[in-house]
Amino acid sequence: MPSPGDAAAGPRLWLERIARGLALLLLLWLLMDLFRGRTEPLRASVREQDLAAELSRWSTAADPASVHVESAGFIAPFQRDWLAALSGGGTRITWGPGGGVPLALAVEPVPDPEGGVRAWVAAPSGTRVLVEDPAGPLDSLPAAGGGARLLVRSNPAELRARTGGSVARSVITDSLVLGRLLLLGRAGWESKFVAAALEERGWKLDVRLRLSPRGDVRQGTAGPIDTARYAAVLVLDSVASAEAQRIFRFVREGGGAVFAGAAAGASSLAGLSAGRPGASLPGREPFDSTLSEPRRNLELAPLVPGHDAVVLERRGNAAAVAARRVERGRVVTTGYRDTWRWRMGGGEASVQAHRDWWADLVAGVAYAGRITRQPTPLADEAPLATLIDRLGPATGAPAGPGPGSEFSRAWLFGLLAAALLLEWVSRRLRGAP
């Protein structure tokens, strides 16, 4: 007859088997989860200030499947290029949350014997941008209408624009080779002082002035009007109509032209001019040197700009200077007459101001041969735009695996320990070794 202990041994045996089987299943599950976890791809997240140290590790010791950089968009150029290289190797790169100021800087040398660099800054309106060269700050500019511009006469090889944490860098990559200027007009005060102003600036001039129906006054050698010799042609009177076809060809090939005085309304040059002059507005007599804008003293024939022209200067609502592009060349037309009065009667600074104004008109259209320098890696003209182009737009951090997986593993391990303990206790109670 079976004893009570033998009767209880059956359920205990089944309990031990269930506990042992459950323990084996849980152990197998944990092992599978362990090996599956080892094969899961590495997902990395790093702050911008810690990025430099992590880049080397990701390229040597670790091979992350994805990287998220916590950045407003101020990633250094070499780090941006490094991340782009990782992206090209198969690593998914994201960055964010963004919010950096979009900034861009472009520079080019000025075609002027005195040299100089023009800088154009693109930034949101209302942003104040600090422009600096390698020696230090140059100017602080408020952006209006999407940007600002600056003329730097110190001929720096590099300029930087800075606002907030964003820095744009641009370098001069061209050296200019300037040709001569050709001045066409009538013998008179205007031609004399325009030629004097540009020669004082450093330009070399060939001059052809109509003195009478029988003869001209010439300075320099008579050569063809082409870009191999001339940077720009200045036409101060309609007497240049005989050269109209040559001037047309010169501009289309990339040369520059400045039309002033009666030349602005010459019918033979109408296809080139940036504007058609209207009825003249008289100037002041005598010349008032106290005006903040001395050119208000000059006679002005207001321009009616062409459909493709850009107005560069106004007197009130009247267009005074306009420019347009003609194929490869550029043309500036001014409605001011007898600008020599400004030079002669405008006060102590008038000679320099008259010279600068005419030099700026010429520099805006002059053709210049270029000698390209070796490009430098320092340039980073549009940092935020380049970052978006290389790595895509800013995004939030990708979702990680979260704490749920670790929590479930702890519960599974607890169940495994409980099953093993139950099986051990049952064996001890029934006296099994």
Protein backbone atom coordinates (compact mmCIF):
# COMPACT_ATOMS: atom_id res chain seq x y z
CA MET A 1 0.00 0.00 0.00
CA PRO A 2 1.60 3.39 -1.04
CA SER A 3 2.54 5.75 1.75
CA PRO A 4 1.32 9.38 1.96
CA GLY A 5 4.81 10.51 0.95
CA ASP A 6 4.62 8.43 -2.21
CA ALA A 7 1.19 9.95 -3.00
CA ALA A 8 2.59 13.47 -2.72
CA ALA A 9 5.68 12.59 -4.78
CA GLY A 10 3.74 12.56 -8.05
CA PRO A 11 2.58 16.20 -7.97
CA ARG A 12 5.97 17.33 -6.75
CA LEU A 13 7.64 15.50 -9.61
CA TRP A 14 5.36 17.17 -12.11
CA LEU A 15 6.00 20.52 -10.45
CA GLU A 16 9.74 19.97 -10.70
CA ARG A 17 9.47 19.05 -14.36
CA ILE A 18 7.36 22.14 -15.09
CA ALA A 19 9.78 24.36 -13.18
CA ARG A 20 12.78 22.77 -14.92
CA GLY A 21 11.17 23.13 -18.35
CA LEU A 22 10.21 26.74 -17.64
CA ALA A 23 13.76 27.48 -16.49
CA LEU A 24 15.20 25.96 -19.66
CA LEU A 25 12.79 27.94 -21.85
CA LEU A 26 13.60 31.17 -20.00
CA LEU A 27 17.32 30.46 -20.22
CA LEU A 28 17.04 29.79 -23.95
CA TRP A 29 15.03 33.00 -24.42
CA LEU A 30 17.61 35.08 -22.53
CA LEU A 31 20.45 33.57 -24.56
CA MET A 32 18.67 34.34 -27.81
CA ASP A 33 17.93 37.89 -26.62
CA LEU A 34 21.57 38.29 -25.60
CA PHE A 35 22.92 37.27 -28.99
CA ARG A 36 20.26 39.30 -30.78
CA GLY A 37 21.26 42.32 -28.74
CA ARG A 38 24.91 41.85 -29.72
CA THR A 39 24.00 41.96 -33.39
CA GLU A 40 21.80 45.08 -33.07
CA PRO A 41 23.40 48.08 -34.85
CA LEU A 42 25.13 50.75 -32.77
CA ARG A 43 23.20 54.01 -32.58
CA ALA A 44 25.20 57.02 -31.41
CA SER A 45 24.14 60.47 -30.26
CA VAL A 46 26.61 63.23 -29.47
CA ARG A 47 26.62 66.92 -28.65
CA GLU A 48 28.32 69.32 -31.04
CA GLN A 49 31.08 70.20 -28.56
CA ASP A 50 31.99 66.49 -28.12
CA LEU A 51 31.94 65.67 -31.83
CA ALA A 52 35.68 65.99 -32.51
CA ALA A 53 36.62 63.19 -30.10
CA GLU A 54 33.87 60.85 -31.31
CA LEU A 55 34.69 61.16 -35.01
CA SER A 56 38.02 59.37 -34.62
CA ARG A 57 36.42 56.57 -32.59
CA TRP A 58 33.65 56.06 -35.13
CA SER A 59 36.22 55.80 -37.90
CA THR A 60 38.41 53.25 -36.07
CA ALA A 61 37.09 51.38 -33.01
CA ALA A 62 33.33 51.67 -33.57
CA ASP A 63 31.12 51.38 -36.63
CA PRO A 64 27.80 53.04 -35.79
CA ALA A 65 24.81 52.39 -38.00
CA SER A 66 23.42 55.85 -37.22
CA VAL A 67 24.69 59.06 -35.65
CA HIS A 68 22.71 62.03 -34.41
CA VAL A 69 24.54 65.29 -33.70
CA GLU A 70 22.84 67.70 -31.30
CA SER A 71 23.59 70.98 -33.08
CA ALA A 72 21.98 74.28 -34.05
CA GLY A 73 23.92 74.16 -37.33
CA PHE A 74 27.35 75.43 -36.28
CA ILE A 75 29.32 72.29 -37.11
CA ALA A 76 32.92 73.06 -38.15
CA PRO A 77 33.69 72.51 -41.86
CA PHE A 78 36.13 69.62 -41.32
CA GLN A 79 33.65 67.88 -38.99
CA ARG A 80 30.86 68.41 -41.52
CA ASP A 81 33.00 66.86 -44.27
CA TRP A 82 33.96 63.98 -41.97
CA LEU A 83 30.30 63.28 -41.22
CA ALA A 84 29.53 63.40 -44.93
CA ALA A 85 32.25 60.82 -45.52
CA LEU A 86 30.73 58.56 -42.84
CA SER A 87 27.36 59.01 -44.52
CA GLY A 88 28.89 57.97 -47.83
CA GLY A 89 30.20 54.84 -46.07
CA GLY A 90 26.73 53.76 -45.00
CA THR A 91 26.26 55.45 -41.62
CA ARG A 92 22.97 57.30 -41.31
CA ILE A 93 23.76 60.86 -40.19
CA THR A 94 21.17 63.24 -38.72
CA TRP A 95 21.52 66.53 -36.91
CA GLY A 96 19.25 68.92 -35.09
CA PRO A 97 17.32 70.64 -33.68
CA GLY A 98 18.69 73.42 -35.94
CA GLY A 99 17.80 77.06 -35.49
CA GLY A 100 21.10 78.56 -36.68
CA VAL A 101 21.13 81.84 -38.62
CA PRO A 102 21.39 81.32 -42.41
CA LEU A 103 24.48 83.27 -43.49
CA ALA A 104 26.47 83.53 -46.71
CA LEU A 105 29.44 85.62 -47.85
CA ALA A 106 30.84 86.21 -51.33
CA VAL A 107 33.84 88.35 -52.24
CA GLU A 108 35.51 89.43 -55.46
CA PRO A 109 38.32 91.82 -56.36
CA VAL A 110 37.37 95.24 -57.67
CA PRO A 111 38.59 96.12 -61.19
CA ASP A 112 40.24 99.34 -60.02
CA PRO A 113 43.90 100.40 -60.05
CA GLU A 114 43.61 101.15 -56.32
CA GLY A 115 42.44 97.58 -55.76
CA GLY A 116 39.93 96.57 -53.15
CA VAL A 117 37.47 93.79 -52.46
CA ARG A 118 33.69 93.82 -52.72
CA ALA A 119 31.89 91.73 -50.11
CA TRP A 120 28.24 90.66 -50.30
CA VAL A 121 26.61 89.25 -47.18
CA ALA A 122 23.31 87.33 -47.24
CA ALA A 123 21.51 87.25 -43.88
CA PRO A 124 17.96 87.71 -42.56
CA SER A 125 16.86 91.34 -42.49
CA GLY A 126 17.54 92.98 -39.16
CA THR A 127 20.53 90.76 -38.39
CA ARG A 128 23.73 92.59 -37.49
CA VAL A 129 26.74 91.00 -39.16
CA LEU A 130 30.36 91.55 -38.13
CA VAL A 131 32.78 91.54 -41.07
CA GLU A 132 36.44 90.90 -40.31
CA ASP A 133 39.71 90.07 -42.01
CA PRO A 134 42.64 88.08 -40.55
CA ALA A 135 43.81 91.21 -38.69
CA GLY A 136 40.50 91.80 -36.89
CA PRO A 137 37.05 93.40 -37.25
CA LEU A 138 36.40 95.77 -40.17
CA ASP A 139 32.77 96.81 -39.82
CA SER A 140 29.42 95.85 -38.34
CA LEU A 141 26.62 95.87 -40.90
CA PRO A 142 22.84 95.66 -40.40
CA ALA A 143 21.32 93.33 -43.00
CA ALA A 144 18.44 94.92 -44.91
CA GLY A 145 16.48 93.44 -47.78
CA GLY A 146 18.17 90.08 -47.25
CA GLY A 147 21.78 91.21 -46.94
CA ALA A 148 24.42 93.92 -46.97
CA ARG A 149 27.51 94.88 -48.97
CA LEU A 150 30.87 96.36 -48.15
CA LEU A 151 33.85 97.72 -50.08
CA VAL A 152 37.20 96.92 -48.45
CA ARG A 153 40.17 98.84 -49.81
CA SER A 154 42.82 96.99 -47.80
CA ASN A 155 42.85 94.07 -50.29
CA PRO A 156 42.58 91.22 -47.75
CA ALA A 157 43.07 87.69 -49.01
CA GLU A 158 40.24 86.43 -46.79
CA LEU A 159 37.09 87.86 -45.22
CA ARG A 160 34.80 86.45 -42.54
CA ALA A 161 31.19 87.31 -41.71
CA ARG A 162 30.00 86.46 -38.22
CA THR A 163 26.61 86.57 -36.55
CA GLY A 164 25.64 84.60 -33.48
CA GLY A 165 27.48 81.30 -33.65
CA SER A 166 27.58 81.17 -37.46
CA VAL A 167 30.74 82.12 -39.36
CA ALA A 168 31.04 82.33 -43.15
CA ARG A 169 34.48 82.56 -44.78
CA SER A 170 35.33 83.61 -48.32
CA VAL A 171 38.72 83.98 -49.97
CA ILE A 172 39.94 85.86 -53.02
CA THR A 173 40.79 83.34 -55.72
CA ASP A 174 41.43 85.71 -58.64
CA SER A 175 44.05 88.32 -59.47
CA LEU A 176 42.91 90.90 -62.02
CA VAL A 177 44.76 92.12 -65.08
CA LEU A 178 43.43 95.56 -66.06
CA GLY A 179 43.47 96.93 -69.59
CA ARG A 180 43.21 100.54 -70.67
CA LEU A 181 40.21 102.85 -70.89
CA LEU A 182 39.00 104.53 -74.07
CA LEU A 183 37.38 107.97 -73.69
CA LEU A 184 35.26 109.29 -76.57
CA GLY A 185 33.66 112.74 -76.61
CA ARG A 186 34.06 116.39 -77.53
CA ALA A 187 36.97 118.57 -76.49
CA GLY A 188 35.71 120.46 -73.45
CA TRP A 189 35.67 120.72 -69.67
CA GLU A 190 33.77 117.49 -69.05
CA SER A 191 36.10 115.32 -71.12
CA LYS A 192 39.16 117.04 -69.64
CA PHE A 193 38.23 116.49 -66.00
CA VAL A 194 36.79 112.99 -66.42
CA ALA A 195 40.09 111.96 -68.05
CA ALA A 196 42.05 113.71 -65.28
CA ALA A 197 40.05 111.95 -62.54
CA LEU A 198 40.57 108.49 -63.99
CA GLU A 199 44.27 109.05 -64.70
CA GLU A 200 44.72 110.24 -61.12
CA ARG A 201 43.06 107.00 -60.05
CA GLY A 202 45.71 105.04 -61.93
CA TRP A 203 43.92 104.11 -65.14
CA LYS A 204 45.77 104.30 -68.46
CA LEU A 205 43.66 106.18 -71.01
CA ASP A 206 43.40 106.46 -74.75
CA VAL A 207 41.43 109.59 -75.59
CA ARG A 208 39.68 110.57 -78.84
CA LEU A 209 38.00 113.98 -78.67
CA ARG A 210 36.19 115.71 -81.55
CA LEU A 211 37.67 119.20 -81.92
CA SER A 212 36.15 120.18 -85.25
CA PRO A 213 34.68 118.52 -88.34
CA ARG A 214 38.20 118.45 -89.74
CA GLY A 215 40.13 116.90 -86.90
CA ASP A 216 40.26 115.20 -83.51
CA VAL A 217 42.45 115.43 -80.45
CA ARG A 218 44.00 112.07 -79.63
CA GLN A 219 45.94 110.70 -76.70
CA GLY A 220 47.52 107.27 -76.88
CA THR A 221 47.70 104.95 -79.84
CA ALA A 222 44.76 104.25 -82.12
CA GLY A 223 43.89 100.57 -81.76
CA PRO A 224 40.87 98.31 -82.24
CA ILE A 225 38.14 98.49 -79.61
CA ASP A 226 38.35 95.01 -78.12
CA THR A 227 38.87 93.36 -74.74
CA ALA A 228 42.49 92.51 -75.56
CA ARG A 229 43.31 96.20 -75.11
CA TYR A 230 40.46 97.95 -73.27
CA ALA A 231 38.61 97.32 -70.02
CA ALA A 232 35.87 99.86 -70.73
CA VAL A 233 34.77 102.59 -73.12
CA LEU A 234 33.48 105.93 -71.81
CA VAL A 235 31.24 107.81 -74.22
CA LEU A 236 30.55 111.41 -73.18
CA ASP A 237 28.95 112.74 -76.34
CA SER A 238 26.93 111.61 -79.34
CA VAL A 239 29.97 112.15 -81.60
CA ALA A 240 30.89 108.53 -80.82
CA SER A 241 28.05 107.34 -83.06
CA ALA A 242 30.59 106.52 -85.74
CA GLU A 243 32.05 103.91 -83.38
CA ALA A 244 28.65 102.48 -82.41
CA GLN A 245 29.05 99.11 -84.13
CA ARG A 246 32.50 98.59 -82.64
CA ILE A 247 31.20 99.49 -79.17
CA PHE A 248 28.29 97.06 -79.59
CA ARG A 249 30.68 94.24 -80.45
CA PHE A 250 33.05 95.19 -77.62
CA VAL A 251 30.28 95.02 -75.00
CA ARG A 252 28.87 91.74 -76.29
CA GLU A 253 32.35 90.22 -76.00
CA GLY A 254 32.51 91.15 -72.31
CA GLY A 255 33.70 94.77 -72.32
CA GLY A 256 32.15 97.58 -70.29
CA ALA A 257 30.66 100.88 -71.39
CA VAL A 258 29.73 104.10 -69.57
CA PHE A 259 27.36 106.50 -71.35
CA ALA A 260 27.00 110.08 -70.09
CA GLY A 261 25.85 113.45 -71.38
CA ALA A 262 24.42 113.48 -74.89
CA ALA A 263 25.64 109.92 -75.47
CA ALA A 264 22.86 108.61 -73.19
CA GLY A 265 20.27 109.71 -75.73
CA ALA A 266 22.13 108.96 -78.96
CA SER A 267 19.91 106.93 -81.27
CA SER A 268 22.86 104.92 -82.56
CA LEU A 269 23.58 103.70 -78.99
CA ALA A 270 19.96 103.18 -77.89
CA GLY A 271 20.29 99.41 -78.15
CA LEU A 272 23.05 99.45 -75.54
CA SER A 273 22.09 102.25 -73.16
CA ALA A 274 20.49 101.33 -69.84
CA GLY A 275 18.05 104.22 -70.04
CA ARG A 276 16.63 106.94 -72.25
CA PRO A 277 17.06 110.51 -70.91
CA GLY A 278 14.07 112.81 -70.52
CA ALA A 279 13.76 116.55 -70.18
CA SER A 280 16.66 118.04 -68.20
CA LEU A 281 16.29 119.35 -64.66
CA PRO A 282 18.50 122.42 -64.18
CA GLY A 283 21.35 122.42 -61.68
CA ARG A 284 22.11 124.98 -58.97
CA GLU A 285 23.92 128.20 -59.70
CA PRO A 286 26.20 128.90 -57.96
CA PHE A 287 27.35 125.47 -56.81
CA ASP A 288 26.29 124.84 -53.18
CA SER A 289 29.17 122.97 -51.55
CA THR A 290 27.29 122.59 -48.25
CA LEU A 291 24.82 120.01 -49.59
CA SER A 292 25.18 116.51 -48.18
CA GLU A 293 24.65 115.18 -51.72
CA PRO A 294 26.75 117.45 -53.99
CA ARG A 295 25.38 115.87 -57.20
CA ARG A 296 22.07 117.64 -56.50
CA ASN A 297 23.82 120.74 -57.84
CA LEU A 298 24.28 119.15 -61.26
CA GLU A 299 21.97 119.28 -64.23
CA LEU A 300 20.17 115.96 -64.60
CA ALA A 301 18.35 114.42 -67.52
CA PRO A 302 16.22 111.80 -65.64
CA LEU A 303 16.48 108.34 -67.14
CA VAL A 304 13.65 106.12 -68.26
CA PRO A 305 15.27 102.74 -67.50
CA GLY A 306 14.99 99.87 -69.94
CA HIS A 307 12.94 96.81 -69.01
CA ASP A 308 16.08 94.88 -68.06
CA ALA A 309 17.91 97.76 -66.36
CA VAL A 310 18.64 98.24 -62.66
CA VAL A 311 18.52 101.74 -61.16
CA LEU A 312 21.69 102.40 -59.17
CA GLU A 313 21.07 105.97 -58.07
CA ARG A 314 18.07 108.26 -57.77
CA ARG A 315 17.49 111.95 -57.18
CA GLY A 316 14.14 111.90 -55.46
CA ASN A 317 11.90 109.85 -57.75
CA ALA A 318 14.07 110.44 -60.82
CA ALA A 319 16.51 107.74 -61.97
CA ALA A 320 19.99 109.26 -62.23
CA VAL A 321 22.17 106.19 -62.89
CA ALA A 322 21.10 102.82 -64.32
CA ALA A 323 22.90 99.66 -65.41
CA ARG A 324 22.14 96.64 -67.53
CA ARG A 325 23.85 93.51 -68.81
CA VAL A 326 24.25 92.98 -72.55
CA GLU A 327 25.28 89.39 -73.28
CA ARG A 328 28.73 89.08 -71.65
CA GLY A 329 29.26 92.80 -71.01
CA ARG A 330 27.78 95.52 -68.79
CA VAL A 331 26.66 99.08 -69.42
CA VAL A 332 26.11 102.02 -67.06
CA THR A 333 24.19 105.12 -68.14
CA THR A 334 24.11 108.36 -66.15
CA GLY A 335 21.85 111.32 -66.72
CA TYR A 336 24.13 113.81 -64.94
CA ARG A 337 25.56 116.60 -67.13
CA ASP A 338 28.74 118.64 -66.65
CA THR A 339 30.08 116.80 -63.62
CA TRP A 340 33.23 118.96 -63.87
CA ARG A 341 31.29 121.63 -61.92
CA TRP A 342 31.31 119.27 -58.93
CA ARG A 343 35.09 118.89 -59.10
CA MET A 344 35.70 122.61 -59.51
CA GLY A 345 33.17 124.08 -57.09
CA GLY A 346 32.33 121.38 -54.57
CA GLY A 347 34.78 122.30 -51.81
CA GLU A 348 37.94 120.71 -50.44
CA ALA A 349 36.76 117.12 -50.77
CA SER A 350 35.21 117.53 -54.20
CA VAL A 351 38.25 116.44 -56.22
CA GLN A 352 38.48 113.13 -54.37
CA ALA A 353 34.71 112.63 -54.39
CA HIS A 354 34.47 113.32 -58.14
CA ARG A 355 37.35 110.92 -58.79
CA ASP A 356 35.82 108.16 -56.60
CA TRP A 357 32.40 108.49 -58.25
CA TRP A 358 33.72 108.13 -61.79
CA ALA A 359 36.07 105.32 -60.73
CA ASP A 360 33.14 103.44 -59.18
CA LEU A 361 31.11 103.75 -62.40
CA VAL A 362 34.02 102.32 -64.38
CA ALA A 363 34.70 99.55 -61.83
CA GLY A 364 31.07 98.45 -62.11
CA VAL A 365 31.43 97.58 -65.79
CA ALA A 366 35.16 97.13 -66.50
CA TYR A 367 36.38 93.94 -68.11
CA ALA A 368 39.41 92.43 -66.37
CA GLY A 369 41.47 89.40 -67.23
CA ARG A 370 41.74 86.97 -64.35
CA ILE A 371 44.59 84.87 -63.04
CA THR A 372 43.09 82.13 -60.88
CA ARG A 373 44.93 81.28 -57.70
CA GLN A 374 45.08 77.87 -56.10
CA PRO A 375 41.80 77.33 -54.20
CA THR A 376 42.10 77.14 -50.43
CA PRO A 377 40.18 74.87 -48.03
CA LEU A 378 39.56 77.85 -45.71
CA ALA A 379 36.56 78.99 -47.72
CA ASP A 380 33.15 78.21 -46.22
CA GLU A 381 30.90 80.76 -47.89
CA ALA A 382 27.49 79.40 -46.81
CA PRO A 383 27.96 77.14 -43.75
CA LEU A 384 24.32 76.34 -42.95
CA ALA A 385 23.32 75.85 -46.59
CA THR A 386 26.34 73.58 -47.16
CA LEU A 387 25.49 71.56 -44.04
CA ILE A 388 21.94 70.98 -45.27
CA ASP A 389 23.23 70.10 -48.74
CA ARG A 390 25.71 67.54 -47.37
CA LEU A 391 23.73 66.01 -44.48
CA GLY A 392 20.10 66.97 -45.12
CA PRO A 393 17.81 69.28 -43.13
CA ALA A 394 17.70 69.40 -39.35
CA THR A 395 15.65 66.68 -37.64
CA GLY A 396 14.86 65.59 -34.12
CA ALA A 397 16.82 62.85 -32.42
CA PRO A 398 15.77 59.36 -33.65
CA ALA A 399 13.87 57.23 -31.17
CA GLY A 400 16.09 54.81 -29.23
CA PRO A 401 15.25 51.32 -27.94
CA GLY A 402 14.00 52.82 -24.64
CA PRO A 403 13.96 51.21 -21.18
CA GLY A 404 11.29 48.62 -21.99
CA SER A 405 13.71 45.99 -23.26
CA GLU A 406 15.88 46.20 -20.13
CA PHE A 407 12.77 45.97 -17.94
CA SER A 408 11.54 42.80 -19.71
CA ARG A 409 14.96 41.16 -19.38
CA ALA A 410 14.93 41.78 -15.62
CA TRP A 411 11.53 40.13 -15.31
CA LEU A 412 12.61 37.15 -17.39
CA PHE A 413 15.73 36.72 -15.27
CA GLY A 414 13.57 36.90 -12.12
CA LEU A 415 11.23 34.24 -13.48
CA LEU A 416 14.22 32.05 -14.37
CA ALA A 417 15.61 32.39 -10.86
CA ALA A 418 12.19 31.65 -9.36
CA ALA A 419 11.75 28.52 -11.52
CA LEU A 420 15.18 27.19 -10.58
CA LEU A 421 14.52 27.93 -6.88
CA LEU A 422 11.14 26.19 -7.06
CA GLU A 423 12.68 23.14 -8.68
CA TRP A 424 15.47 23.01 -6.08
CA VAL A 425 13.07 23.40 -3.12
CA SER A 426 10.79 20.66 -4.48
CA ARG A 427 13.70 18.27 -4.84
CA ARG A 428 14.87 18.98 -1.30
CA LEU A 429 11.42 18.46 0.16
CA ARG A 430 10.99 15.05 -1.40
CA GLY A 431 14.48 14.04 -0.34
CA ALA A 432 16.01 13.83 -3.77
CA PRO A 433 19.78 14.26 -3.87
